[in-house]
Amino acid sequence: MDQLEGFLVEGKEHMVRKLKKSIYKVNQASKQWYLKFNDIIISFEFKENIVDWCINSKVSGSKFIFLILYVDGILFVSNDLDLLYKN
């Protein structure tokens, strides 16, 4: 996690606050989960859809993979099983 804007302490930018309760009960939990998920997906060369952020795609010639994120589930759609298993 990163420190929130406006709450940075000079000289302690690398430190974060200790949580007193589970992150899953914090309003920012879903945002933090999505940001981490998105970083990982982009590292696998998936491109984010500009219309809907929950759809990522990877195209290789005529082969494609769509990764669709919905609440707490992920749906993979592909026209080539080898490409799907390779990624």
PDB file of N, CA and C in Angstrom:
ATOM      1  N   MET A   1       0.851  -1.184   0.000  1.00  0.00           N
ATOM      2  CA  MET A   1       0.000   0.000   0.000  1.00  0.00           C
ATOM      3  C   MET A   1       0.886   1.234   0.000  1.00  0.00           C
ATOM      4  N   ASP A   2       0.355   2.307  -0.516  1.00  0.00           N
ATOM      5  CA  ASP A   2       1.049   3.584  -0.523  1.00  0.00           C
ATOM      6  C   ASP A   2       0.330   4.524   0.427  1.00  0.00           C
ATOM      7  N   GLN A   3       1.085   5.525   0.888  1.00  0.00           N
ATOM      8  CA  GLN A   3       0.452   6.532   1.731  1.00  0.00           C
ATOM      9  C   GLN A   3      -0.512   7.349   0.884  1.00  0.00           C
ATOM     10  N   LEU A   4      -1.603   7.776   1.494  1.00  0.00           N
ATOM     11  CA  LEU A   4      -2.594   8.585   0.797  1.00  0.00           C
ATOM     12  C   LEU A   4      -2.056   9.983   0.542  1.00  0.00           C
ATOM     13  N   GLU A   5      -2.494  10.577  -0.577  1.00  0.00           N
ATOM     14  CA  GLU A   5      -2.103  11.944  -0.864  1.00  0.00           C
ATOM     15  C   GLU A   5      -2.585  12.850   0.265  1.00  0.00           C
ATOM     16  N   GLY A   6      -1.757  13.785   0.663  1.00  0.00           N
ATOM     17  CA  GLY A   6      -2.104  14.697   1.744  1.00  0.00           C
ATOM     18  C   GLY A   6      -1.724  14.178   3.116  1.00  0.00           C
ATOM     19  N   PHE A   7      -1.322  12.907   3.220  1.00  0.00           N
ATOM     20  CA  PHE A   7      -0.945  12.318   4.493  1.00  0.00           C
ATOM     21  C   PHE A   7       0.521  11.896   4.503  1.00  0.00           C
ATOM     22  N   LEU A   8       1.300  12.360   3.514  1.00  0.00           N
ATOM     23  CA  LEU A   8       2.709  12.014   3.448  1.00  0.00           C
ATOM     24  C   LEU A   8       3.475  12.738   4.547  1.00  0.00           C
ATOM     25  N   VAL A   9       4.407  12.040   5.168  1.00  0.00           N
ATOM     26  CA  VAL A   9       5.256  12.615   6.203  1.00  0.00           C
ATOM     27  C   VAL A   9       6.642  12.791   5.598  1.00  0.00           C
ATOM     28  N   GLU A  10       7.175  13.996   5.653  1.00  0.00           N
ATOM     29  CA  GLU A  10       8.484  14.308   5.088  1.00  0.00           C
ATOM     30  C   GLU A  10       9.554  13.376   5.642  1.00  0.00           C
ATOM     31  N   GLY A  11      10.286  12.721   4.753  1.00  0.00           N
ATOM     32  CA  GLY A  11      11.356  11.807   5.151  1.00  0.00           C
ATOM     33  C   GLY A  11      10.881  10.390   5.434  1.00  0.00           C
ATOM     34  N   LYS A  12       9.572  10.156   5.438  1.00  0.00           N
ATOM     35  CA  LYS A  12       9.033   8.821   5.723  1.00  0.00           C
ATOM     36  C   LYS A  12       8.064   8.389   4.612  1.00  0.00           C
ATOM     37  N   GLU A  13       8.380   8.778   3.363  1.00  0.00           N
ATOM     38  CA  GLU A  13       7.502   8.470   2.234  1.00  0.00           C
ATOM     39  C   GLU A  13       7.400   6.971   1.974  1.00  0.00           C
ATOM     40  N   HIS A  14       8.422   6.208   2.379  1.00  0.00           N
ATOM     41  CA  HIS A  14       8.428   4.760   2.139  1.00  0.00           C
ATOM     42  C   HIS A  14       7.611   3.988   3.175  1.00  0.00           C
ATOM     43  N   MET A  15       7.205   4.642   4.242  1.00  0.00           N
ATOM     44  CA  MET A  15       6.463   3.971   5.316  1.00  0.00           C
ATOM     45  C   MET A  15       4.957   4.071   5.065  1.00  0.00           C
ATOM     46  N   VAL A  16       4.214   3.115   5.578  1.00  0.00           N
ATOM     47  CA  VAL A  16       2.755   3.139   5.505  1.00  0.00           C
ATOM     48  C   VAL A  16       2.184   2.992   6.909  1.00  0.00           C
ATOM     49  N   ARG A  17       0.913   3.221   7.039  1.00  0.00           N
ATOM     50  CA  ARG A  17       0.249   3.141   8.344  1.00  0.00           C
ATOM     51  C   ARG A  17      -0.078   1.700   8.705  1.00  0.00           C
ATOM     52  N   LYS A  18      -0.028   1.390   9.989  1.00  0.00           N
ATOM     53  CA  LYS A  18      -0.430   0.072  10.467  1.00  0.00           C
ATOM     54  C   LYS A  18      -1.955   0.040  10.562  1.00  0.00           C
ATOM     55  N   LEU A  19      -2.541  -0.994   9.972  1.00  0.00           N
ATOM     56  CA  LEU A  19      -3.988  -1.125  10.012  1.00  0.00           C
ATOM     57  C   LEU A  19      -4.443  -1.747  11.322  1.00  0.00           C
ATOM     58  N   LYS A  20      -5.521  -1.244  11.873  1.00  0.00           N
ATOM     59  CA  LYS A  20      -6.070  -1.785  13.106  1.00  0.00           C
ATOM     60  C   LYS A  20      -7.124  -2.853  12.834  1.00  0.00           C
ATOM     61  N   LYS A  21      -7.532  -2.992  11.581  1.00  0.00           N
ATOM     62  CA  LYS A  21      -8.498  -4.015  11.223  1.00  0.00           C
ATOM     63  C   LYS A  21      -8.146  -4.552   9.839  1.00  0.00           C
ATOM     64  N   SER A  22      -8.789  -5.609   9.452  1.00  0.00           N
ATOM     65  CA  SER A  22      -8.531  -6.258   8.176  1.00  0.00           C
ATOM     66  C   SER A  22      -8.746  -5.294   7.024  1.00  0.00           C
ATOM     67  N   ILE A  23      -7.906  -5.409   6.007  1.00  0.00           N
ATOM     68  CA  ILE A  23      -8.041  -4.538   4.832  1.00  0.00           C
ATOM     69  C   ILE A  23      -9.357  -4.772   4.110  1.00  0.00           C
ATOM     70  N   TYR A  24      -9.957  -5.951   4.255  1.00  0.00           N
ATOM     71  CA  TYR A  24     -11.201  -6.253   3.552  1.00  0.00           C
ATOM     72  C   TYR A  24     -12.396  -5.483   4.110  1.00  0.00           C
ATOM     73  N   LYS A  25     -12.238  -4.856   5.244  1.00  0.00           N
ATOM     74  CA  LYS A  25     -13.315  -4.034   5.789  1.00  0.00           C
ATOM     75  C   LYS A  25     -13.064  -2.550   5.525  1.00  0.00           C
ATOM     76  N   VAL A  26     -11.994  -2.237   4.806  1.00  0.00           N
ATOM     77  CA  VAL A  26     -11.636  -0.860   4.497  1.00  0.00           C
ATOM     78  C   VAL A  26     -12.227  -0.505   3.135  1.00  0.00           C
ATOM     79  N   ASN A  27     -12.701   0.720   2.987  1.00  0.00           N
ATOM     80  CA  ASN A  27     -13.313   1.141   1.732  1.00  0.00           C
ATOM     81  C   ASN A  27     -12.360   1.059   0.550  1.00  0.00           C
ATOM     82  N   GLN A  28     -11.059   1.186   0.771  1.00  0.00           N
ATOM     83  CA  GLN A  28     -10.089   1.179  -0.312  1.00  0.00           C
ATOM     84  C   GLN A  28      -9.634  -0.226  -0.696  1.00  0.00           C
ATOM     85  N   ALA A  29     -10.114  -1.250  -0.050  1.00  0.00           N
ATOM     86  CA  ALA A  29      -9.628  -2.613  -0.283  1.00  0.00           C
ATOM     87  C   ALA A  29      -9.815  -3.045  -1.729  1.00  0.00           C
ATOM     88  N   SER A  30     -10.989  -2.812  -2.283  1.00  0.00           N
ATOM     89  CA  SER A  30     -11.228  -3.253  -3.663  1.00  0.00           C
ATOM     90  C   SER A  30     -10.360  -2.487  -4.645  1.00  0.00           C
ATOM     91  N   LYS A  31     -10.125  -1.220  -4.390  1.00  0.00           N
ATOM     92  CA  LYS A  31      -9.259  -0.434  -5.269  1.00  0.00           C
ATOM     93  C   LYS A  31      -7.825  -0.937  -5.206  1.00  0.00           C
ATOM     94  N   GLN A  32      -7.330  -1.198  -4.002  1.00  0.00           N
ATOM     95  CA  GLN A  32      -5.963  -1.696  -3.851  1.00  0.00           C
ATOM     96  C   GLN A  32      -5.815  -3.068  -4.502  1.00  0.00           C
ATOM     97  N   TRP A  33      -6.818  -3.935  -4.367  1.00  0.00           N
ATOM     98  CA  TRP A  33      -6.780  -5.255  -4.986  1.00  0.00           C
ATOM     99  C   TRP A  33      -6.746  -5.117  -6.503  1.00  0.00           C
ATOM    100  N   TYR A  34      -7.588  -4.227  -7.051  1.00  0.00           N
ATOM    101  CA  TYR A  34      -7.630  -4.027  -8.497  1.00  0.00           C
ATOM    102  C   TYR A  34      -6.304  -3.487  -9.021  1.00  0.00           C
ATOM    103  N   LEU A  35      -5.696  -2.526  -8.332  1.00  0.00           N
ATOM    104  CA  LEU A  35      -4.426  -1.960  -8.778  1.00  0.00           C
ATOM    105  C   LEU A  35      -3.328  -3.018  -8.805  1.00  0.00           C
ATOM    106  N   LYS A  36      -3.278  -3.869  -7.805  1.00  0.00           N
ATOM    107  CA  LYS A  36      -2.288  -4.951  -7.773  1.00  0.00           C
ATOM    108  C   LYS A  36      -2.563  -5.949  -8.897  1.00  0.00           C
ATOM    109  N   PHE A  37      -3.809  -6.328  -9.073  1.00  0.00           N
ATOM    110  CA  PHE A  37      -4.203  -7.248 -10.138  1.00  0.00           C
ATOM    111  C   PHE A  37      -3.820  -6.675 -11.498  1.00  0.00           C
ATOM    112  N   ASN A  38      -4.113  -5.401 -11.717  1.00  0.00           N
ATOM    113  CA  ASN A  38      -3.827  -4.759 -12.990  1.00  0.00           C
ATOM    114  C   ASN A  38      -2.319  -4.728 -13.277  1.00  0.00           C
ATOM    115  N   ASP A  39      -1.507  -4.442 -12.271  1.00  0.00           N
ATOM    116  CA  ASP A  39      -0.048  -4.451 -12.444  1.00  0.00           C
ATOM    117  C   ASP A  39       0.445  -5.818 -12.900  1.00  0.00           C
ATOM    118  N   ILE A  40      -0.098  -6.868 -12.320  1.00  0.00           N
ATOM    119  CA  ILE A  40       0.324  -8.224 -12.676  1.00  0.00           C
ATOM    120  C   ILE A  40      -0.120  -8.571 -14.087  1.00  0.00           C
ATOM    121  N   ILE A  41      -1.348  -8.245 -14.438  1.00  0.00           N
ATOM    122  CA  ILE A  41      -1.862  -8.550 -15.773  1.00  0.00           C
ATOM    123  C   ILE A  41      -1.070  -7.807 -16.843  1.00  0.00           C
ATOM    124  N   ILE A  42      -0.749  -6.553 -16.606  1.00  0.00           N
ATOM    125  CA  ILE A  42       0.039  -5.780 -17.571  1.00  0.00           C
ATOM    126  C   ILE A  42       1.439  -6.364 -17.718  1.00  0.00           C
ATOM    127  N   SER A  43       1.993  -6.940 -16.645  1.00  0.00           N
ATOM    128  CA  SER A  43       3.320  -7.562 -16.750  1.00  0.00           C
ATOM    129  C   SER A  43       3.293  -8.784 -17.667  1.00  0.00           C
ATOM    130  N   PHE A  44       2.114  -9.382 -17.899  1.00  0.00           N
ATOM    131  CA  PHE A  44       1.956 -10.491 -18.833  1.00  0.00           C
ATOM    132  C   PHE A  44       1.572 -10.003 -20.228  1.00  0.00           C
ATOM    133  N   GLU A  45       1.753  -8.700 -20.473  1.00  0.00           N
ATOM    134  CA  GLU A  45       1.529  -8.051 -21.778  1.00  0.00           C
ATOM    135  C   GLU A  45       0.075  -8.012 -22.212  1.00  0.00           C
ATOM    136  N   PHE A  46      -0.855  -8.023 -21.268  1.00  0.00           N
ATOM    137  CA  PHE A  46      -2.257  -7.808 -21.590  1.00  0.00           C
ATOM    138  C   PHE A  46      -2.495  -6.310 -21.704  1.00  0.00           C
ATOM    139  N   LYS A  47      -3.394  -5.928 -22.573  1.00  0.00           N
ATOM    140  CA  LYS A  47      -3.751  -4.521 -22.767  1.00  0.00           C
ATOM    141  C   LYS A  47      -5.110  -4.261 -22.144  1.00  0.00           C
ATOM    142  N   GLU A  48      -5.223  -3.147 -21.445  1.00  0.00           N
ATOM    143  CA  GLU A  48      -6.474  -2.778 -20.806  1.00  0.00           C
ATOM    144  C   GLU A  48      -7.419  -2.156 -21.836  1.00  0.00           C
ATOM    145  N   ASN A  49      -8.682  -2.528 -21.789  1.00  0.00           N
ATOM    146  CA  ASN A  49      -9.698  -1.980 -22.676  1.00  0.00           C
ATOM    147  C   ASN A  49      -9.994  -0.554 -22.241  1.00  0.00           C
ATOM    148  N   ILE A  50     -10.018   0.392 -23.190  1.00  0.00           N
ATOM    149  CA  ILE A  50     -10.232   1.795 -22.812  1.00  0.00           C
ATOM    150  C   ILE A  50     -11.691   2.095 -22.484  1.00  0.00           C
ATOM    151  N   VAL A  51     -12.623   1.244 -22.925  1.00  0.00           N
ATOM    152  CA  VAL A  51     -14.042   1.461 -22.654  1.00  0.00           C
ATOM    153  C   VAL A  51     -14.432   0.862 -21.302  1.00  0.00           C
ATOM    154  N   ASP A  52     -13.944  -0.343 -21.012  1.00  0.00           N
ATOM    155  CA  ASP A  52     -14.271  -1.042 -19.765  1.00  0.00           C
ATOM    156  C   ASP A  52     -12.982  -1.556 -19.140  1.00  0.00           C
ATOM    157  N   TRP A  53     -12.593  -1.021 -17.995  1.00  0.00           N
ATOM    158  CA  TRP A  53     -11.328  -1.355 -17.349  1.00  0.00           C
ATOM    159  C   TRP A  53     -11.272  -2.800 -16.872  1.00  0.00           C
ATOM    160  N   CYS A  54     -12.395  -3.459 -16.807  1.00  0.00           N
ATOM    161  CA  CYS A  54     -12.422  -4.839 -16.316  1.00  0.00           C
ATOM    162  C   CYS A  54     -12.193  -5.863 -17.425  1.00  0.00           C
ATOM    163  N   ILE A  55     -11.923  -5.395 -18.631  1.00  0.00           N
ATOM    164  CA  ILE A  55     -11.638  -6.295 -19.747  1.00  0.00           C
ATOM    165  C   ILE A  55     -10.219  -6.044 -20.225  1.00  0.00           C
ATOM    166  N   ASN A  56      -9.421  -7.096 -20.249  1.00  0.00           N
ATOM    167  CA  ASN A  56      -8.052  -7.027 -20.751  1.00  0.00           C
ATOM    168  C   ASN A  56      -7.935  -8.002 -21.911  1.00  0.00           C
ATOM    169  N   SER A  57      -7.071  -7.667 -22.872  1.00  0.00           N
ATOM    170  CA  SER A  57      -6.919  -8.540 -24.030  1.00  0.00           C
ATOM    171  C   SER A  57      -5.457  -8.679 -24.405  1.00  0.00           C
ATOM    172  N   LYS A  58      -5.185  -9.790 -25.071  1.00  0.00           N
ATOM    173  CA  LYS A  58      -3.859 -10.059 -25.613  1.00  0.00           C
ATOM    174  C   LYS A  58      -4.088 -10.685 -26.982  1.00  0.00           C
ATOM    175  N   VAL A  59      -3.507 -10.077 -28.017  1.00  0.00           N
ATOM    176  CA  VAL A  59      -3.706 -10.531 -29.382  1.00  0.00           C
ATOM    177  C   VAL A  59      -2.358 -10.900 -29.979  1.00  0.00           C
ATOM    178  N   SER A  60      -2.312 -12.050 -30.629  1.00  0.00           N
ATOM    179  CA  SER A  60      -1.109 -12.521 -31.315  1.00  0.00           C
ATOM    180  C   SER A  60      -1.536 -13.030 -32.688  1.00  0.00           C
ATOM    181  N   GLY A  61      -1.427 -12.165 -33.711  1.00  0.00           N
ATOM    182  CA  GLY A  61      -1.906 -12.524 -35.045  1.00  0.00           C
ATOM    183  C   GLY A  61      -3.412 -12.660 -35.038  1.00  0.00           C
ATOM    184  N   SER A  62      -3.910 -13.829 -35.420  1.00  0.00           N
ATOM    185  CA  SER A  62      -5.362 -14.059 -35.409  1.00  0.00           C
ATOM    186  C   SER A  62      -5.827 -14.711 -34.102  1.00  0.00           C
ATOM    187  N   LYS A  63      -4.893 -14.973 -33.186  1.00  0.00           N
ATOM    188  CA  LYS A  63      -5.235 -15.584 -31.898  1.00  0.00           C
ATOM    189  C   LYS A  63      -5.451 -14.487 -30.855  1.00  0.00           C
ATOM    190  N   PHE A  64      -6.367 -14.732 -29.945  1.00  0.00           N
ATOM    191  CA  PHE A  64      -6.635 -13.735 -28.914  1.00  0.00           C
ATOM    192  C   PHE A  64      -6.994 -14.389 -27.590  1.00  0.00           C
ATOM    193  N   ILE A  65      -6.807 -13.622 -26.526  1.00  0.00           N
ATOM    194  CA  ILE A  65      -7.268 -13.988 -25.186  1.00  0.00           C
ATOM    195  C   ILE A  65      -7.953 -12.751 -24.604  1.00  0.00           C
ATOM    196  N   PHE A  66      -9.140 -12.927 -24.071  1.00  0.00           N
ATOM    197  CA  PHE A  66      -9.803 -11.878 -23.307  1.00  0.00           C
ATOM    198  C   PHE A  66      -9.852 -12.322 -21.852  1.00  0.00           C
ATOM    199  N   LEU A  67      -9.477 -11.444 -20.971  1.00  0.00           N
ATOM    200  CA  LEU A  67      -9.543 -11.690 -19.539  1.00  0.00           C
ATOM    201  C   LEU A  67     -10.584 -10.719 -18.994  1.00  0.00           C
ATOM    202  N   ILE A  68     -11.658 -11.257 -18.440  1.00  0.00           N
ATOM    203  CA  ILE A  68     -12.759 -10.431 -17.957  1.00  0.00           C
ATOM    204  C   ILE A  68     -12.860 -10.586 -16.450  1.00  0.00           C
ATOM    205  N   LEU A  69     -12.720  -9.485 -15.761  1.00  0.00           N
ATOM    206  CA  LEU A  69     -12.751  -9.458 -14.302  1.00  0.00           C
ATOM    207  C   LEU A  69     -14.131  -9.018 -13.847  1.00  0.00           C
ATOM    208  N   TYR A  70     -14.762  -9.837 -12.985  1.00  0.00           N
ATOM    209  CA  TYR A  70     -16.091  -9.505 -12.481  1.00  0.00           C
ATOM    210  C   TYR A  70     -16.141  -9.807 -10.991  1.00  0.00           C
ATOM    211  N   VAL A  71     -16.284  -8.782 -10.192  1.00  0.00           N
ATOM    212  CA  VAL A  71     -16.320  -8.842  -8.735  1.00  0.00           C
ATOM    213  C   VAL A  71     -15.117  -9.634  -8.226  1.00  0.00           C
ATOM    214  N   ASP A  72     -15.289 -10.906  -7.918  1.00  0.00           N
ATOM    215  CA  ASP A  72     -14.157 -11.689  -7.405  1.00  0.00           C
ATOM    216  C   ASP A  72     -13.864 -12.895  -8.297  1.00  0.00           C
ATOM    217  N   GLY A  73     -14.300 -12.840  -9.545  1.00  0.00           N
ATOM    218  CA  GLY A  73     -14.064 -13.933 -10.479  1.00  0.00           C
ATOM    219  C   GLY A  73     -13.371 -13.441 -11.737  1.00  0.00           C
ATOM    220  N   ILE A  74     -12.717 -14.355 -12.439  1.00  0.00           N
ATOM    221  CA  ILE A  74     -12.030 -14.039 -13.679  1.00  0.00           C
ATOM    222  C   ILE A  74     -12.486 -15.028 -14.738  1.00  0.00           C
ATOM    223  N   LEU A  75     -12.862 -14.507 -15.896  1.00  0.00           N
ATOM    224  CA  LEU A  75     -13.276 -15.327 -17.022  1.00  0.00           C
ATOM    225  C   LEU A  75     -12.249 -15.167 -18.136  1.00  0.00           C
ATOM    226  N   PHE A  76     -11.709 -16.290 -18.626  1.00  0.00           N
ATOM    227  CA  PHE A  76     -10.789 -16.274 -19.758  1.00  0.00           C
ATOM    228  C   PHE A  76     -11.544 -16.738 -20.992  1.00  0.00           C
ATOM    229  N   VAL A  77     -11.399 -16.010 -22.101  1.00  0.00           N
ATOM    230  CA  VAL A  77     -12.002 -16.379 -23.371  1.00  0.00           C
ATOM    231  C   VAL A  77     -10.895 -16.350 -24.413  1.00  0.00           C
ATOM    232  N   SER A  78     -10.767 -17.425 -25.179  1.00  0.00           N
ATOM    233  CA  SER A  78      -9.712 -17.501 -26.189  1.00  0.00           C
ATOM    234  C   SER A  78     -10.188 -18.345 -27.367  1.00  0.00           C
ATOM    235  N   ASN A  79      -9.592 -18.094 -28.528  1.00  0.00           N
ATOM    236  CA  ASN A  79      -9.891 -18.923 -29.691  1.00  0.00           C
ATOM    237  C   ASN A  79      -8.766 -19.940 -29.948  1.00  0.00           C
ATOM    238  N   ASP A  80      -7.791 -20.023 -29.023  1.00  0.00           N
ATOM    239  CA  ASP A  80      -6.680 -20.956 -29.174  1.00  0.00           C
ATOM    240  C   ASP A  80      -6.253 -21.477 -27.798  1.00  0.00           C
ATOM    241  N   LEU A  81      -6.445 -22.760 -27.551  1.00  0.00           N
ATOM    242  CA  LEU A  81      -6.104 -23.332 -26.248  1.00  0.00           C
ATOM    243  C   LEU A  81      -4.617 -23.265 -25.948  1.00  0.00           C
ATOM    244  N   ASP A  82      -3.762 -23.444 -26.956  1.00  0.00           N
ATOM    245  CA  ASP A  82      -2.320 -23.380 -26.726  1.00  0.00           C
ATOM    246  C   ASP A  82      -1.901 -22.003 -26.211  1.00  0.00           C
ATOM    247  N   LEU A  83      -2.448 -20.961 -26.795  1.00  0.00           N
ATOM    248  CA  LEU A  83      -2.142 -19.596 -26.345  1.00  0.00           C
ATOM    249  C   LEU A  83      -2.654 -19.389 -24.914  1.00  0.00           C
ATOM    250  N   LEU A  84      -3.799 -19.949 -24.623  1.00  0.00           N
ATOM    251  CA  LEU A  84      -4.372 -19.815 -23.290  1.00  0.00           C
ATOM    252  C   LEU A  84      -3.509 -20.513 -22.250  1.00  0.00           C
ATOM    253  N   TYR A  85      -3.039 -21.728 -22.549  1.00  0.00           N
ATOM    254  CA  TYR A  85      -2.207 -22.471 -21.598  1.00  0.00           C
ATOM    255  C   TYR A  85      -0.818 -21.869 -21.466  1.00  0.00           C
ATOM    256  N   LYS A  86      -0.314 -21.254 -22.520  1.00  0.00           N
ATOM    257  CA  LYS A  86       1.017 -20.669 -22.485  1.00  0.00           C
ATOM    258  C   LYS A  86       1.071 -19.444 -21.582  1.00  0.00           C
ATOM    259  N   ASN A  87      -0.049 -18.748 -21.452  1.00  0.00           N
ATOM    260  CA  ASN A  87      -0.102 -17.534 -20.656  1.00  0.00           C
ATOM    261  C   ASN A  87      -0.717 -17.885 -19.337  1.00  0.00           C
TER     262      ASN A  87
END
